[in-house]
Amino acid sequence: MAKHNETGIKGEQIAENFLLKKGYSILHRNWCFGKHEVDLIAEKDNTLIIIEVKTRSSLAFGFPEDAVTPKKQGYLKSATEAFLDQHPQYERIQFDIISIHVQRGETKEIMHFEDAFY
């Protein structure tokens, strides 16, 4: 497995643990709709939360959250619509980003951007 894939998987686990400690219920990890994948789908306070996790081992090319482009946001919205077709009980939806910086196997920073885009 490529190094960046390993970093991404590790980041998703870090994010899941982070959210569990904050009282979130994790409903799905790596939920797919066609070619699009949602890293984490969670629930808290009767709100469905779609979470994109971005992990970087270097900040040389910018902050991890900067990689959640409008195009990526569009993919997440499309996947969310498909998820809601299967799970129509959710009335409130929120899109979050979790940005993680790891270095030499150690988590340096976790930033949770709640309600990051619409």
Protein backbone atom coordinates (compact mmCIF):
# COMPACT_ATOMS: atom_id res chain seq x y z
CA MET A 1 0.00 0.00 0.00
CA ALA A 2 1.26 3.46 -0.88
CA LYS A 3 2.46 5.68 1.98
CA HIS A 4 -0.23 8.32 1.38
CA ASN A 5 -2.94 5.63 1.57
CA GLU A 6 -1.54 4.41 4.89
CA THR A 7 -1.52 8.00 6.16
CA GLY A 8 -5.15 8.42 5.11
CA ILE A 9 -6.27 5.22 6.83
CA LYS A 10 -4.44 6.19 9.99
CA GLY A 11 -6.03 9.64 9.86
CA GLU A 12 -9.52 8.18 9.55
CA GLN A 13 -8.92 6.06 12.65
CA ILE A 14 -7.60 9.08 14.55
CA ALA A 15 -10.68 11.08 13.49
CA GLU A 16 -13.06 8.29 14.49
CA ASN A 17 -11.51 8.04 17.95
CA PHE A 18 -11.59 11.83 18.29
CA LEU A 19 -15.31 11.93 17.43
CA LEU A 20 -16.19 9.04 19.73
CA LYS A 21 -14.57 10.91 22.63
CA LYS A 22 -16.75 13.93 21.76
CA GLY A 23 -19.91 11.85 21.98
CA TYR A 24 -20.56 11.16 18.29
CA SER A 25 -22.01 7.86 17.13
CA ILE A 26 -20.19 6.53 14.06
CA LEU A 27 -22.71 5.06 11.62
CA HIS A 28 -20.42 4.25 8.68
CA ARG A 29 -16.78 4.41 7.70
CA ASN A 30 -15.79 4.68 4.03
CA TRP A 31 -19.38 4.64 2.77
CA CYS A 32 -19.43 4.51 -1.05
CA PHE A 33 -21.81 5.76 -3.67
CA GLY A 34 -20.51 4.96 -7.14
CA LYS A 35 -16.97 6.31 -7.30
CA HIS A 36 -17.51 8.67 -4.39
CA GLU A 37 -16.63 7.82 -0.82
CA VAL A 38 -17.65 9.46 2.44
CA ASP A 39 -14.92 8.97 5.04
CA LEU A 40 -17.17 8.99 8.09
CA ILE A 41 -20.90 9.26 8.61
CA ALA A 42 -21.86 10.05 12.17
CA GLU A 43 -24.78 11.18 14.25
CA LYS A 44 -24.95 13.56 17.18
CA ASP A 45 -27.91 15.40 18.67
CA ASN A 46 -30.27 14.03 15.97
CA THR A 47 -28.07 15.48 13.23
CA LEU A 48 -26.55 13.43 10.42
CA ILE A 49 -22.94 14.49 10.05
CA ILE A 50 -20.93 13.83 6.90
CA ILE A 51 -17.22 14.04 7.66
CA GLU A 52 -14.33 14.41 5.26
CA VAL A 53 -11.00 13.53 6.86
CA LYS A 54 -7.79 14.97 5.43
CA THR A 55 -4.46 13.88 6.85
CA ARG A 56 -1.01 15.15 5.93
CA SER A 57 2.44 14.24 7.13
CA SER A 58 3.80 17.53 5.79
CA LEU A 59 2.33 20.99 5.49
CA ALA A 60 4.64 21.89 2.60
CA PHE A 61 1.72 21.89 0.16
CA GLY A 62 -0.79 23.57 2.45
CA PHE A 63 -3.14 22.64 5.22
CA PRO A 64 -5.06 19.36 4.92
CA GLU A 65 -8.45 21.08 4.96
CA ASP A 66 -7.50 23.06 1.85
CA ALA A 67 -7.82 19.81 -0.13
CA VAL A 68 -11.60 19.81 0.37
CA THR A 69 -12.24 21.70 -2.84
CA PRO A 70 -15.63 22.78 -4.17
CA LYS A 71 -15.47 19.77 -6.51
CA LYS A 72 -14.91 17.41 -3.56
CA GLN A 73 -17.74 19.12 -1.69
CA GLY A 74 -20.01 18.43 -4.67
CA TYR A 75 -19.11 14.74 -4.59
CA LEU A 76 -19.89 14.60 -0.87
CA LYS A 77 -23.24 16.30 -1.44
CA SER A 78 -24.15 13.80 -4.19
CA ALA A 79 -23.20 10.86 -2.00
CA THR A 80 -25.19 12.36 0.87
CA GLU A 81 -28.30 12.60 -1.30
CA ALA A 82 -27.95 8.89 -2.10
CA PHE A 83 -27.47 8.09 1.58
CA LEU A 84 -30.59 10.07 2.48
CA ASP A 85 -32.60 8.15 -0.13
CA GLN A 86 -31.77 5.02 1.88
CA HIS A 87 -32.09 6.70 5.31
CA PRO A 88 -34.82 9.36 5.02
CA GLN A 89 -35.26 9.76 8.79
CA TYR A 90 -32.64 12.51 9.00
CA GLU A 91 -33.93 16.08 8.82
CA ARG A 92 -30.77 17.90 9.89
CA ILE A 93 -27.53 17.41 7.99
CA GLN A 94 -24.10 18.89 8.59
CA PHE A 95 -20.85 18.67 6.62
CA ASP A 96 -17.68 18.66 8.71
CA ILE A 97 -13.97 18.48 7.91
CA ILE A 98 -11.40 16.96 10.20
CA SER A 99 -7.86 18.07 9.39
CA ILE A 100 -5.01 16.04 10.85
CA HIS A 101 -1.29 16.69 10.79
CA VAL A 102 0.85 13.68 11.68
CA GLN A 103 4.62 13.58 11.83
CA ARG A 104 6.77 10.51 12.43
CA GLY A 105 3.76 8.53 13.58
CA GLU A 106 2.67 11.18 16.09
CA THR A 107 -0.46 13.31 15.84
CA LYS A 108 0.67 16.94 15.86
CA GLU A 109 -2.70 18.63 15.35
CA ILE A 110 -6.38 17.83 14.89
CA MET A 111 -8.71 20.56 13.70
CA HIS A 112 -12.46 19.91 13.57
CA PHE A 113 -14.33 22.28 11.27
CA GLU A 114 -17.99 21.83 12.14
CA ASP A 115 -20.59 22.84 9.57
CA ALA A 116 -17.71 23.59 7.20
CA PHE A 117 -19.78 23.95 4.02
CA TYR A 118 -23.33 23.65 2.70
